[in-house]
Structure formats: C-alpha cells, structure tokens
Amino acid sequence: GEEFPIFRAFFIEKPRYAGADVVLHAVLDSPSVAGAYRFIVRPGAMTVCEVMATLHPRQTLAHIGLAPLTSMFLRGSAQRRVNGDVRPGVHNSDGLAILNGRGERLWRPLSNPRTLQTSAFLDKSPRGFGLMQRDRAFSAYEDINARFEKRPSVWVEPIGNWGDGFVELIEIPSEEEIHDNIVAYWNPAQPLEAGKPHSYSYHLHWGLESPLTRGPSEVVKTAVSTTRKENFLQFVVDFAGAALTDSLEIPVADISASAGTLAQAVVQRHPHIGGVRVNFELDTAGAEMVELRLGLKLGDMPVSETWLYRWTP
C-alpha cells in the first residue's frame, strides 16, 4: 500500500569555493503529490543537510511520512531471532531516539520481529528523532568487511513548529541483512489537504555521534534472553552518564509493563561504563505483546532517558 514519490530532476548550484556548502534543488513527483525541495549540504565531521520542502497534494493525504529514515536491523543484543550467524550483531542502527516536545528523551531498541510491527509515539511540536547506532565497539559485530560499528547515525531536527502528530516506527521481518527493514518518519495529525501548499523544514545530522548535548544518562546497551522458566524473559539494561557517575546514590528503577508480571528488579553499579546496570525478569503470562517502560530516578528526579521496549513472541 505504499507510494514512493520520485525525484524527477535535480539542479545543483556551483559552489562558491572549495569546501563551501553544496546547494541542490529537486522536483518531487508521484500520483498523489508534487513537491519542490531545496537541500543545503554542509560538509564536516558531522554532515548537516538543511531540507526545505513544499508539498502540493493532488489528493488529501491522511497518512504521510515526513523526513523518512530507513535502516537495517537483523540481530543484536536486544533481539536475536535470526540464528545461524557467527556475528553477535548485524545492524546499521540499534535504536530509535526521540526528543519529544515536552523535552523527554526516549530510547527504543530496534528489533527484527516475526510479524510486522508498527509503533506510534504521539507528540506535539517534536524537537527531534533519529535512527542511531550507539554501539561503536568492533566486538559487538565482529565483521571486518561491513564494519557496522562505523555506520553513521542520522538525526532529524525540525525547524519551526510541526504541530501534533506522531513518530511512526515500522519493523519488518527479515532473514537477510540486504533488506532495509526499519522505517521511521513523522506523520502529522492533520491530513494534508489537496490543492494547498504545505511547507516543512528540518536539519538532517549525519555522523558517529548524536548532535544533542548529553542528557542525564543514556541507555548504553540492552540485552534480552529467555530463561529456564516458561514464559520468562531476562532483561539487562545498562545506563551511563554524568548524573550516574557523579552521584553517590544508586538510582531506583521505575519499571512498568502493559501485560504480564515484573520481578527480580535489581540496580547495580557498572564500573566498566561508569554507570549502572538494571536486571529484571518479565513473566509474559502468554500475552501476545508487552510494552515495557523503564527510567531511573533519584528521589523524584528522573536521571535517565526513558527506555521503551516492545516484546512479541
């Protein structure tokens, strides 16, 4: 049911000098929409592309993916459904990061599910979202050819107020790494009316690190495994950041699940990363899907981004 518009033509402005910004103009076309785009590409250690787009729908668009990103996730520490591969991890991105309009930072580890999964993260005036590759250790992949630890992250930074809508994450089952099975984009709450121009601007940040200033603490790693008990899963989530390194107290884990039962939650110091490790068990109780949410607190003060995870059989 998807419709993928095509860029029919590109026009490139001659750079004023070597190393200057590169400016491109493009014409977008498809049965449902036409568009005019302007890209300003700024090279550097982090490549930044400013995108200015005006869309002219030929029919009312109730569902549209703005600033779409695609990536690949076959297997990793958070999900190892595909077996028979000697590499511990095979992915271009390991998580979806969101900075929502309320200033809350979200981290959703990616998965390669058995069935098609879609997730919507409701928001108002989002500050940014991106498909990130956080694990930069060669040992996480052990691939001397693909070098997944060097794959760039990409962060979308809206310019102006994008209003109400949601970041949609689509995870498509895949048995091979040749397929881009991860999609993320912004979908406005209000349909785009036909016959009217709709303009959007945003920055795309490409690089090994996030363009955001460091938050209180971030998720460093997520590991999930089955246990000997039926319907039980073991979760290990590592957090690191200044708020944890400088604190003499061990934070408390605030965990919730949409179904099943949580047990055995333990928070420990993790000296190797200067942070903490959270261990807990989930009894799925035969549920078809469980949405998990985890954050760290010192007293009533949040000291971490919010970890989100969807479990499916």
C-alpha atoms as a PDB file:
ATOM      1  CA  GLY A   1       0.000   0.000   0.000  1.00  0.00           C
ATOM      2  CA  GLU A   2       2.956   2.378  -0.003  1.00  0.00           C
ATOM      3  CA  GLU A   3       3.530   5.054  -2.578  1.00  0.00           C
ATOM      4  CA  PHE A   4       7.116   6.214  -3.021  1.00  0.00           C
ATOM      5  CA  PRO A   5       7.446   9.583  -4.800  1.00  0.00           C
ATOM      6  CA  ILE A   6      10.396  10.022  -7.128  1.00  0.00           C
ATOM      7  CA  PHE A   7      12.696  12.992  -7.645  1.00  0.00           C
ATOM      8  CA  ARG A   8      12.268  13.768 -11.344  1.00  0.00           C
ATOM      9  CA  ALA A   9      15.023  16.360 -11.637  1.00  0.00           C
ATOM     10  CA  PHE A  10      17.946  17.841  -9.718  1.00  0.00           C
ATOM     11  CA  PHE A  11      19.613  21.221 -10.126  1.00  0.00           C
ATOM     12  CA  ILE A  12      22.987  21.828  -8.467  1.00  0.00           C
ATOM     13  CA  GLU A  13      24.352  25.299  -7.757  1.00  0.00           C
ATOM     14  CA  LYS A  14      28.061  25.675  -8.377  1.00  0.00           C
ATOM     15  CA  PRO A  15      29.841  26.054  -5.003  1.00  0.00           C
ATOM     16  CA  ARG A  16      31.424  29.442  -4.478  1.00  0.00           C
ATOM     17  CA  TYR A  17      34.700  27.907  -3.304  1.00  0.00           C
ATOM     18  CA  ALA A  18      36.215  24.543  -2.371  1.00  0.00           C
ATOM     19  CA  GLY A  19      34.637  23.225   0.812  1.00  0.00           C
ATOM     20  CA  ALA A  20      31.636  25.552   0.610  1.00  0.00           C
ATOM     21  CA  ASP A  21      28.043  24.457   1.192  1.00  0.00           C
ATOM     22  CA  VAL A  22      26.506  22.500  -1.661  1.00  0.00           C
ATOM     23  CA  VAL A  23      23.023  23.644  -2.680  1.00  0.00           C
ATOM     24  CA  LEU A  24      20.677  21.347  -4.594  1.00  0.00           C
ATOM     25  CA  HIS A  25      17.131  21.859  -5.840  1.00  0.00           C
ATOM     26  CA  ALA A  26      14.838  18.955  -6.684  1.00  0.00           C
ATOM     27  CA  VAL A  27      11.401  18.315  -8.146  1.00  0.00           C
ATOM     28  CA  LEU A  28       9.322  15.599  -6.467  1.00  0.00           C
ATOM     29  CA  ASP A  29       6.528  13.762  -8.260  1.00  0.00           C
ATOM     30  CA  SER A  30       4.066  10.927  -7.672  1.00  0.00           C
ATOM     31  CA  PRO A  31       0.392  10.199  -8.362  1.00  0.00           C
ATOM     32  CA  SER A  32      -0.666  11.757  -5.027  1.00  0.00           C
ATOM     33  CA  VAL A  33       1.728  14.662  -4.557  1.00  0.00           C
ATOM     34  CA  ALA A  34       4.188  17.018  -6.216  1.00  0.00           C
ATOM     35  CA  GLY A  35       6.923  18.860  -4.351  1.00  0.00           C
ATOM     36  CA  ALA A  36       9.751  21.371  -4.558  1.00  0.00           C
ATOM     37  CA  TYR A  37      12.842  20.747  -2.443  1.00  0.00           C
ATOM     38  CA  ARG A  38      15.970  22.700  -1.557  1.00  0.00           C
ATOM     39  CA  PHE A  39      18.905  20.979   0.129  1.00  0.00           C
ATOM     40  CA  ILE A  40      21.865  22.784   1.673  1.00  0.00           C
ATOM     41  CA  VAL A  41      24.629  20.282   2.468  1.00  0.00           C
ATOM     42  CA  ARG A  42      27.324  21.403   4.923  1.00  0.00           C
ATOM     43  CA  PRO A  43      30.327  19.040   4.999  1.00  0.00           C
ATOM     44  CA  GLY A  44      32.329  18.388   8.142  1.00  0.00           C
ATOM     45  CA  ALA A  45      32.984  15.837  10.882  1.00  0.00           C
ATOM     46  CA  MET A  46      29.186  15.751  11.090  1.00  0.00           C
ATOM     47  CA  THR A  47      27.492  16.314   7.753  1.00  0.00           C
ATOM     48  CA  VAL A  48      24.431  18.539   8.115  1.00  0.00           C
ATOM     49  CA  CYS A  49      21.774  18.832   5.419  1.00  0.00           C
ATOM     50  CA  GLU A  50      19.124  21.539   5.677  1.00  0.00           C
ATOM     51  CA  VAL A  51      15.952  20.458   3.895  1.00  0.00           C
ATOM     52  CA  MET A  52      13.235  22.877   2.776  1.00  0.00           C
ATOM     53  CA  ALA A  53      10.225  21.190   1.214  1.00  0.00           C
ATOM     54  CA  THR A  54       6.908  22.428  -0.161  1.00  0.00           C
ATOM     55  CA  LEU A  55       4.407  19.698  -0.951  1.00  0.00           C
ATOM     56  CA  HIS A  56       1.371  20.109  -3.233  1.00  0.00           C
ATOM     57  CA  PRO A  57      -1.006  17.151  -2.675  1.00  0.00           C
ATOM     58  CA  ARG A  58      -3.102  16.124  -5.659  1.00  0.00           C
ATOM     59  CA  GLN A  59      -5.480  14.443  -3.221  1.00  0.00           C
ATOM     60  CA  THR A  60      -5.941  14.707   0.533  1.00  0.00           C
ATOM     61  CA  LEU A  61      -3.170  12.771   2.284  1.00  0.00           C
ATOM     62  CA  ALA A  62      -4.341  11.244   5.564  1.00  0.00           C
ATOM     63  CA  HIS A  63      -1.110   9.323   6.161  1.00  0.00           C
ATOM     64  CA  ILE A  64       2.243  10.681   5.038  1.00  0.00           C
ATOM     65  CA  GLY A  65       5.824  10.041   6.122  1.00  0.00           C
ATOM     66  CA  LEU A  66       7.783  13.276   6.534  1.00  0.00           C
ATOM     67  CA  ALA A  67      11.568  13.183   6.966  1.00  0.00           C
ATOM     68  CA  PRO A  68      11.573   9.408   6.383  1.00  0.00           C
ATOM     69  CA  LEU A  69      14.534   7.311   7.506  1.00  0.00           C
ATOM     70  CA  THR A  70      15.300   3.685   6.654  1.00  0.00           C
ATOM     71  CA  SER A  71      17.808   1.289   8.165  1.00  0.00           C
ATOM     72  CA  MET A  72      18.571  -2.386   8.739  1.00  0.00           C
ATOM     73  CA  PHE A  73      18.368  -4.493  11.891  1.00  0.00           C
ATOM     74  CA  LEU A  74      18.885  -8.247  11.566  1.00  0.00           C
ATOM     75  CA  ARG A  75      20.056  -9.244  15.050  1.00  0.00           C
ATOM     76  CA  GLY A  76      21.722  -7.775  18.110  1.00  0.00           C
ATOM     77  CA  SER A  77      21.904  -7.978  21.887  1.00  0.00           C
ATOM     78  CA  ALA A  78      18.314  -6.723  22.245  1.00  0.00           C
ATOM     79  CA  GLN A  79      16.892  -9.325  19.845  1.00  0.00           C
ATOM     80  CA  ARG A  80      18.482 -12.463  18.372  1.00  0.00           C
ATOM     81  CA  ARG A  81      15.582 -14.021  16.483  1.00  0.00           C
ATOM     82  CA  VAL A  82      17.724 -14.819  13.439  1.00  0.00           C
ATOM     83  CA  ASN A  83      20.190 -17.582  14.345  1.00  0.00           C
ATOM     84  CA  GLY A  84      22.937 -19.278  12.372  1.00  0.00           C
ATOM     85  CA  ASP A  85      25.161 -16.191  12.187  1.00  0.00           C
ATOM     86  CA  VAL A  86      28.519 -16.148  13.957  1.00  0.00           C
ATOM     87  CA  ARG A  87      28.402 -12.367  14.312  1.00  0.00           C
ATOM     88  CA  PRO A  88      26.952 -11.154  17.635  1.00  0.00           C
ATOM     89  CA  GLY A  89      25.300  -8.155  15.970  1.00  0.00           C
ATOM     90  CA  VAL A  90      24.190  -7.291  12.430  1.00  0.00           C
ATOM     91  CA  HIS A  91      22.579  -3.858  12.139  1.00  0.00           C
ATOM     92  CA  ASN A  92      23.084  -0.359  10.747  1.00  0.00           C
ATOM     93  CA  SER A  93      21.122   1.166  13.651  1.00  0.00           C
ATOM     94  CA  ASP A  94      20.350  -0.221  17.089  1.00  0.00           C
ATOM     95  CA  GLY A  95      17.665   2.176  18.298  1.00  0.00           C
ATOM     96  CA  LEU A  96      15.163   4.922  17.640  1.00  0.00           C
ATOM     97  CA  ALA A  97      15.872   8.046  19.697  1.00  0.00           C
ATOM     98  CA  ILE A  98      13.241  10.751  20.226  1.00  0.00           C
ATOM     99  CA  LEU A  99      13.379  14.144  21.922  1.00  0.00           C
ATOM    100  CA  ASN A 100       9.698  14.986  22.248  1.00  0.00           C
ATOM    101  CA  GLY A 101       8.013  18.345  22.603  1.00  0.00           C
ATOM    102  CA  ARG A 102       7.978  18.040  26.408  1.00  0.00           C
ATOM    103  CA  GLY A 103      11.747  17.626  26.487  1.00  0.00           C
ATOM    104  CA  GLU A 104      11.574  13.912  27.355  1.00  0.00           C
ATOM    105  CA  ARG A 105      14.249  11.729  25.784  1.00  0.00           C
ATOM    106  CA  LEU A 106      13.112   8.302  24.603  1.00  0.00           C
ATOM    107  CA  TRP A 107      15.171   5.301  23.514  1.00  0.00           C
ATOM    108  CA  ARG A 108      13.505   2.398  21.736  1.00  0.00           C
ATOM    109  CA  PRO A 109      15.816  -0.550  20.863  1.00  0.00           C
ATOM    110  CA  LEU A 110      15.117  -1.910  17.394  1.00  0.00           C
ATOM    111  CA  SER A 111      14.066  -5.483  16.708  1.00  0.00           C
ATOM    112  CA  ASN A 112      13.571  -7.922  13.858  1.00  0.00           C
ATOM    113  CA  PRO A 113      10.159  -9.361  14.784  1.00  0.00           C
ATOM    114  CA  ARG A 114       8.416 -12.459  13.484  1.00  0.00           C
ATOM    115  CA  THR A 115       5.462 -10.348  12.336  1.00  0.00           C
ATOM    116  CA  LEU A 116       5.179  -6.806  11.001  1.00  0.00           C
ATOM    117  CA  GLN A 117       5.171  -4.285  13.865  1.00  0.00           C
ATOM    118  CA  THR A 118       4.196  -0.601  13.848  1.00  0.00           C
ATOM    119  CA  SER A 119       4.633   1.743  16.803  1.00  0.00           C
ATOM    120  CA  ALA A 120       3.369   5.331  17.097  1.00  0.00           C
ATOM    121  CA  PHE A 121       4.930   7.821  19.528  1.00  0.00           C
ATOM    122  CA  LEU A 122       2.410  10.635  19.935  1.00  0.00           C
ATOM    123  CA  ASP A 123       3.874  14.113  20.241  1.00  0.00           C
ATOM    124  CA  LYS A 124       3.317  17.824  19.809  1.00  0.00           C
ATOM    125  CA  SER A 125       5.999  20.010  18.224  1.00  0.00           C
ATOM    126  CA  PRO A 126       8.741  17.345  18.286  1.00  0.00           C
ATOM    127  CA  ARG A 127      12.303  18.503  18.859  1.00  0.00           C
ATOM    128  CA  GLY A 128      13.892  15.623  17.003  1.00  0.00           C
ATOM    129  CA  PHE A 129      14.132  11.920  16.257  1.00  0.00           C
ATOM    130  CA  GLY A 130      16.635   9.625  14.630  1.00  0.00           C
ATOM    131  CA  LEU A 131      17.842   6.113  13.895  1.00  0.00           C
ATOM    132  CA  MET A 132      21.045   5.778  15.873  1.00  0.00           C
ATOM    133  CA  GLN A 133      23.976   3.378  16.002  1.00  0.00           C
ATOM    134  CA  ARG A 134      25.169   3.712  19.608  1.00  0.00           C
ATOM    135  CA  ASP A 135      27.292   0.591  19.990  1.00  0.00           C
ATOM    136  CA  ARG A 136      30.665   1.563  18.500  1.00  0.00           C
ATOM    137  CA  ALA A 137      32.660  -1.469  19.651  1.00  0.00           C
ATOM    138  CA  PHE A 138      34.011  -3.785  16.953  1.00  0.00           C
ATOM    139  CA  SER A 139      33.417  -6.712  19.330  1.00  0.00           C
ATOM    140  CA  ALA A 140      29.656  -6.064  19.109  1.00  0.00           C
ATOM    141  CA  TYR A 141      29.710  -7.098  15.422  1.00  0.00           C
ATOM    142  CA  GLU A 142      32.998  -8.897  14.617  1.00  0.00           C
ATOM    143  CA  ASP A 143      32.614  -8.057  10.918  1.00  0.00           C
ATOM    144  CA  ILE A 144      35.859  -6.878   9.310  1.00  0.00           C
ATOM    145  CA  ASN A 145      34.122  -6.179   5.992  1.00  0.00           C
ATOM    146  CA  ALA A 146      30.810  -4.484   6.838  1.00  0.00           C
ATOM    147  CA  ARG A 147      32.256  -2.550   9.835  1.00  0.00           C
ATOM    148  CA  PHE A 148      28.854  -1.909  11.353  1.00  0.00           C
ATOM    149  CA  GLU A 149      30.481  -0.016  14.237  1.00  0.00           C
ATOM    150  CA  LYS A 150      31.303   2.752  11.745  1.00  0.00           C
ATOM    151  CA  ARG A 151      27.799   3.115  10.292  1.00  0.00           C
ATOM    152  CA  PRO A 152      26.512   6.679  10.772  1.00  0.00           C
ATOM    153  CA  SER A 153      23.556   7.718  12.868  1.00  0.00           C
ATOM    154  CA  VAL A 154      21.071  10.227  11.459  1.00  0.00           C
ATOM    155  CA  TRP A 155      19.095  12.761  13.490  1.00  0.00           C
ATOM    156  CA  VAL A 156      16.114  14.780  12.240  1.00  0.00           C
ATOM    157  CA  GLU A 157      15.825  18.244  13.780  1.00  0.00           C
ATOM    158  CA  PRO A 158      12.571  20.026  12.842  1.00  0.00           C
ATOM    159  CA  ILE A 159      12.746  23.730  12.053  1.00  0.00           C
ATOM    160  CA  GLY A 160       9.687  25.535  13.353  1.00  0.00           C
ATOM    161  CA  ASN A 161       6.586  24.028  14.946  1.00  0.00           C
ATOM    162  CA  TRP A 162       5.433  20.795  13.327  1.00  0.00           C
ATOM    163  CA  GLY A 163       2.298  20.682  15.490  1.00  0.00           C
ATOM    164  CA  ASP A 164       0.508  17.493  16.551  1.00  0.00           C
ATOM    165  CA  GLY A 165       1.318  14.088  15.152  1.00  0.00           C
ATOM    166  CA  PHE A 166       3.480  11.069  15.866  1.00  0.00           C
ATOM    167  CA  VAL A 167       6.782   9.447  15.044  1.00  0.00           C
ATOM    168  CA  GLU A 168       5.954   6.108  13.457  1.00  0.00           C
ATOM    169  CA  LEU A 169       8.362   3.184  13.650  1.00  0.00           C
ATOM    170  CA  ILE A 170       7.876   0.218  11.319  1.00  0.00           C
ATOM    171  CA  GLU A 171       9.806  -3.019  11.937  1.00  0.00           C
ATOM    172  CA  ILE A 172       9.586  -5.545   9.092  1.00  0.00           C
ATOM    173  CA  PRO A 173      10.560  -9.221   9.498  1.00  0.00           C
ATOM    174  CA  SER A 174      13.739 -10.047   7.587  1.00  0.00           C
ATOM    175  CA  GLU A 175      16.003 -13.075   7.288  1.00  0.00           C
ATOM    176  CA  GLU A 176      18.798 -11.299   5.393  1.00  0.00           C
ATOM    177  CA  GLU A 177      20.817  -8.154   6.015  1.00  0.00           C
ATOM    178  CA  ILE A 178      20.372  -6.962   2.409  1.00  0.00           C
ATOM    179  CA  HIS A 179      16.920  -5.563   3.245  1.00  0.00           C
ATOM    180  CA  ASP A 180      16.221  -2.204   4.871  1.00  0.00           C
ATOM    181  CA  ASN A 181      13.572  -3.469   7.269  1.00  0.00           C
ATOM    182  CA  ILE A 182      13.400  -0.460   9.605  1.00  0.00           C
ATOM    183  CA  VAL A 183      11.451   2.728   8.785  1.00  0.00           C
ATOM    184  CA  ALA A 184      10.832   5.842  10.894  1.00  0.00           C
ATOM    185  CA  TYR A 185       9.137   9.126   9.972  1.00  0.00           C
ATOM    186  CA  TRP A 186       6.876  11.923  11.222  1.00  0.00           C
ATOM    187  CA  ASN A 187       3.162  11.731  10.461  1.00  0.00           C
ATOM    188  CA  PRO A 188       1.118  14.919  11.034  1.00  0.00           C
ATOM    189  CA  ALA A 189      -2.169  14.537  12.895  1.00  0.00           C
ATOM    190  CA  GLN A 190      -3.998  16.722  10.382  1.00  0.00           C
ATOM    191  CA  PRO A 191      -4.318  15.396   6.809  1.00  0.00           C
ATOM    192  CA  LEU A 192      -2.584  17.412   4.098  1.00  0.00           C
ATOM    193  CA  GLU A 193      -5.354  18.972   2.050  1.00  0.00           C
ATOM    194  CA  ALA A 194      -5.308  18.752  -1.723  1.00  0.00           C
ATOM    195  CA  GLY A 195      -4.723  21.911  -3.719  1.00  0.00           C
ATOM    196  CA  LYS A 196      -2.861  23.715  -0.920  1.00  0.00           C
ATOM    197  CA  PRO A 197       0.906  24.074  -0.352  1.00  0.00           C
ATOM    198  CA  HIS A 198       2.345  22.514   2.803  1.00  0.00           C
ATOM    199  CA  SER A 199       5.878  23.552   3.775  1.00  0.00           C
ATOM    200  CA  TYR A 200       8.296  21.808   6.136  1.00  0.00           C
ATOM    201  CA  SER A 201      11.922  22.423   7.009  1.00  0.00           C
ATOM    202  CA  TYR A 202      14.367  20.358   9.014  1.00  0.00           C
ATOM    203  CA  HIS A 203      18.034  19.528   9.505  1.00  0.00           C
ATOM    204  CA  LEU A 204      19.497  16.076   8.925  1.00  0.00           C
ATOM    205  CA  HIS A 205      22.598  15.403  11.036  1.00  0.00           C
ATOM    206  CA  TRP A 206      24.789  12.521   9.826  1.00  0.00           C
ATOM    207  CA  GLY A 207      27.692  11.303  11.964  1.00  0.00           C
ATOM    208  CA  LEU A 208      29.010   8.867  14.528  1.00  0.00           C
ATOM    209  CA  GLU A 209      27.612  10.823  17.488  1.00  0.00           C
ATOM    210  CA  SER A 210      24.316  12.473  18.335  1.00  0.00           C
ATOM    211  CA  PRO A 211      24.183  16.261  17.767  1.00  0.00           C
ATOM    212  CA  LEU A 212      22.311  16.654  21.067  1.00  0.00           C
ATOM    213  CA  THR A 213      24.032  17.716  24.264  1.00  0.00           C
ATOM    214  CA  ARG A 214      24.360  14.816  26.649  1.00  0.00           C
ATOM    215  CA  GLY A 215      21.352  14.196  28.849  1.00  0.00           C
ATOM    216  CA  PRO A 216      21.399  12.979  32.454  1.00  0.00           C
ATOM    217  CA  SER A 217      22.187   9.407  31.342  1.00  0.00           C
ATOM    218  CA  GLU A 218      21.637   7.283  28.251  1.00  0.00           C
ATOM    219  CA  VAL A 219      20.974   3.638  27.513  1.00  0.00           C
ATOM    220  CA  VAL A 220      24.274   2.060  26.534  1.00  0.00           C
ATOM    221  CA  LYS A 221      23.118  -1.494  25.916  1.00  0.00           C
ATOM    222  CA  THR A 222      20.015  -3.678  26.025  1.00  0.00           C
ATOM    223  CA  ALA A 223      20.245  -7.460  26.301  1.00  0.00           C
ATOM    224  CA  VAL A 224      17.313  -9.882  26.341  1.00  0.00           C
ATOM    225  CA  SER A 225      17.319 -13.648  26.792  1.00  0.00           C
ATOM    226  CA  THR A 226      14.956 -16.464  27.661  1.00  0.00           C
ATOM    227  CA  THR A 227      15.207 -18.332  30.968  1.00  0.00           C
ATOM    228  CA  ARG A 228      14.570 -21.918  32.025  1.00  0.00           C
ATOM    229  CA  LYS A 229      11.112 -20.934  33.240  1.00  0.00           C
ATOM    230  CA  GLU A 230       8.353 -20.966  30.661  1.00  0.00           C
ATOM    231  CA  ASN A 231       7.182 -17.509  29.538  1.00  0.00           C
ATOM    232  CA  PHE A 232      10.001 -15.823  31.471  1.00  0.00           C
ATOM    233  CA  LEU A 233      12.494 -13.378  29.936  1.00  0.00           C
ATOM    234  CA  GLN A 234      15.611 -11.822  31.444  1.00  0.00           C
ATOM    235  CA  PHE A 235      16.335  -8.147  30.643  1.00  0.00           C
ATOM    236  CA  VAL A 236      19.618  -6.318  31.200  1.00  0.00           C
ATOM    237  CA  VAL A 237      19.714  -2.569  30.503  1.00  0.00           C
ATOM    238  CA  ASP A 238      22.898  -0.533  31.013  1.00  0.00           C
ATOM    239  CA  PHE A 239      22.818   3.234  31.622  1.00  0.00           C
ATOM    240  CA  ALA A 240      25.752   5.655  31.666  1.00  0.00           C
ATOM    241  CA  GLY A 241      26.080   9.414  32.038  1.00  0.00           C
ATOM    242  CA  ALA A 242      27.286  12.233  34.247  1.00  0.00           C
ATOM    243  CA  ALA A 243      24.224  12.049  36.521  1.00  0.00           C
ATOM    244  CA  LEU A 244      25.187   8.489  37.454  1.00  0.00           C
ATOM    245  CA  THR A 245      28.966   8.935  37.551  1.00  0.00           C
ATOM    246  CA  ASP A 246      28.804  11.900  39.941  1.00  0.00           C
ATOM    247  CA  SER A 247      26.113  10.502  42.230  1.00  0.00           C
ATOM    248  CA  LEU A 248      26.960   8.720  45.464  1.00  0.00           C
ATOM    249  CA  GLU A 249      23.496   7.159  45.497  1.00  0.00           C
ATOM    250  CA  ILE A 250      22.321   4.260  43.376  1.00  0.00           C
ATOM    251  CA  PRO A 251      19.167   5.282  41.484  1.00  0.00           C
ATOM    252  CA  VAL A 252      15.873   3.452  41.650  1.00  0.00           C
ATOM    253  CA  ALA A 253      14.448   1.739  38.561  1.00  0.00           C
ATOM    254  CA  ASP A 254      10.914   2.821  37.664  1.00  0.00           C
ATOM    255  CA  ILE A 255       9.608  -0.075  35.515  1.00  0.00           C
ATOM    256  CA  SER A 256       6.160  -0.766  34.121  1.00  0.00           C
ATOM    257  CA  ALA A 257       4.667  -3.365  31.765  1.00  0.00           C
ATOM    258  CA  SER A 258       1.406  -3.328  29.799  1.00  0.00           C
ATOM    259  CA  ALA A 259       0.881  -7.051  30.458  1.00  0.00           C
ATOM    260  CA  GLY A 260       2.490  -9.889  32.357  1.00  0.00           C
ATOM    261  CA  THR A 261       4.366  -9.573  35.650  1.00  0.00           C
ATOM    262  CA  LEU A 262       7.700  -7.950  36.501  1.00  0.00           C
ATOM    263  CA  ALA A 263      10.038  -9.457  39.095  1.00  0.00           C
ATOM    264  CA  GLN A 264      13.583  -9.554  40.436  1.00  0.00           C
ATOM    265  CA  ALA A 265      14.434  -5.930  39.599  1.00  0.00           C
ATOM    266  CA  VAL A 266      17.986  -5.080  40.706  1.00  0.00           C
ATOM    267  CA  VAL A 267      20.082  -1.941  40.088  1.00  0.00           C
ATOM    268  CA  GLN A 268      23.863  -2.310  40.406  1.00  0.00           C
ATOM    269  CA  ARG A 269      26.926  -0.155  39.849  1.00  0.00           C
ATOM    270  CA  HIS A 270      28.602  -0.840  36.492  1.00  0.00           C
ATOM    271  CA  PRO A 271      32.219   0.311  36.948  1.00  0.00           C
ATOM    272  CA  HIS A 272      33.254  -0.536  33.390  1.00  0.00           C
ATOM    273  CA  ILE A 273      30.966   2.167  31.953  1.00  0.00           C
ATOM    274  CA  GLY A 274      30.740   4.487  34.960  1.00  0.00           C
ATOM    275  CA  GLY A 275      27.021   3.864  35.201  1.00  0.00           C
ATOM    276  CA  VAL A 276      24.524   1.285  36.402  1.00  0.00           C
ATOM    277  CA  ARG A 277      23.017  -1.982  35.225  1.00  0.00           C
ATOM    278  CA  VAL A 278      19.336  -2.820  35.645  1.00  0.00           C
ATOM    279  CA  ASN A 279      18.352  -6.507  35.746  1.00  0.00           C
ATOM    280  CA  PHE A 280      14.749  -7.662  35.806  1.00  0.00           C
ATOM    281  CA  GLU A 281      12.535 -10.544  34.734  1.00  0.00           C
ATOM    282  CA  LEU A 282       9.279 -10.493  32.802  1.00  0.00           C
ATOM    283  CA  ASP A 283       6.681 -13.212  33.017  1.00  0.00           C
ATOM    284  CA  THR A 284       4.727 -12.709  29.782  1.00  0.00           C
ATOM    285  CA  ALA A 285       1.900 -14.934  31.070  1.00  0.00           C
ATOM    286  CA  GLY A 286       1.085 -15.915  27.498  1.00  0.00           C
ATOM    287  CA  ALA A 287       0.480 -12.344  26.309  1.00  0.00           C
ATOM    288  CA  GLU A 288       0.693 -11.611  22.582  1.00  0.00           C
ATOM    289  CA  MET A 289       2.506  -8.315  23.167  1.00  0.00           C
ATOM    290  CA  VAL A 290       4.059  -6.493  26.122  1.00  0.00           C
ATOM    291  CA  GLU A 291       5.081  -2.825  26.129  1.00  0.00           C
ATOM    292  CA  LEU A 292       7.827  -2.088  28.677  1.00  0.00           C
ATOM    293  CA  ARG A 293       8.923   1.268  30.072  1.00  0.00           C
ATOM    294  CA  LEU A 294      11.957   1.942  32.267  1.00  0.00           C
ATOM    295  CA  GLY A 295      13.565   5.039  33.731  1.00  0.00           C
ATOM    296  CA  LEU A 296      15.975   5.824  36.569  1.00  0.00           C
ATOM    297  CA  LYS A 297      15.184   8.177  39.439  1.00  0.00           C
ATOM    298  CA  LEU A 298      16.985   9.703  42.393  1.00  0.00           C
ATOM    299  CA  GLY A 299      14.153  10.576  44.728  1.00  0.00           C
ATOM    300  CA  ASP A 300      11.502  12.132  42.485  1.00  0.00           C
ATOM    301  CA  MET A 301      14.078  13.379  39.958  1.00  0.00           C
ATOM    302  CA  PRO A 302      14.467  11.480  36.647  1.00  0.00           C
ATOM    303  CA  VAL A 303      18.162  10.921  35.910  1.00  0.00           C
ATOM    304  CA  SER A 304      17.925   8.980  32.641  1.00  0.00           C
ATOM    305  CA  GLU A 305      16.244   8.906  29.301  1.00  0.00           C
ATOM    306  CA  THR A 306      13.183   6.669  29.077  1.00  0.00           C
ATOM    307  CA  TRP A 307      13.813   3.148  27.776  1.00  0.00           C
ATOM    308  CA  LEU A 308      10.938   1.612  25.808  1.00  0.00           C
ATOM    309  CA  TYR A 309      10.689  -1.946  24.537  1.00  0.00           C
ATOM    310  CA  ARG A 310       8.040  -3.994  22.746  1.00  0.00           C
ATOM    311  CA  TRP A 311       8.124  -7.739  23.270  1.00  0.00           C
ATOM    312  CA  THR A 312       6.276 -10.066  20.922  1.00  0.00           C
ATOM    313  CA  PRO A 313       6.515 -13.894  20.752  1.00  0.00           C
END
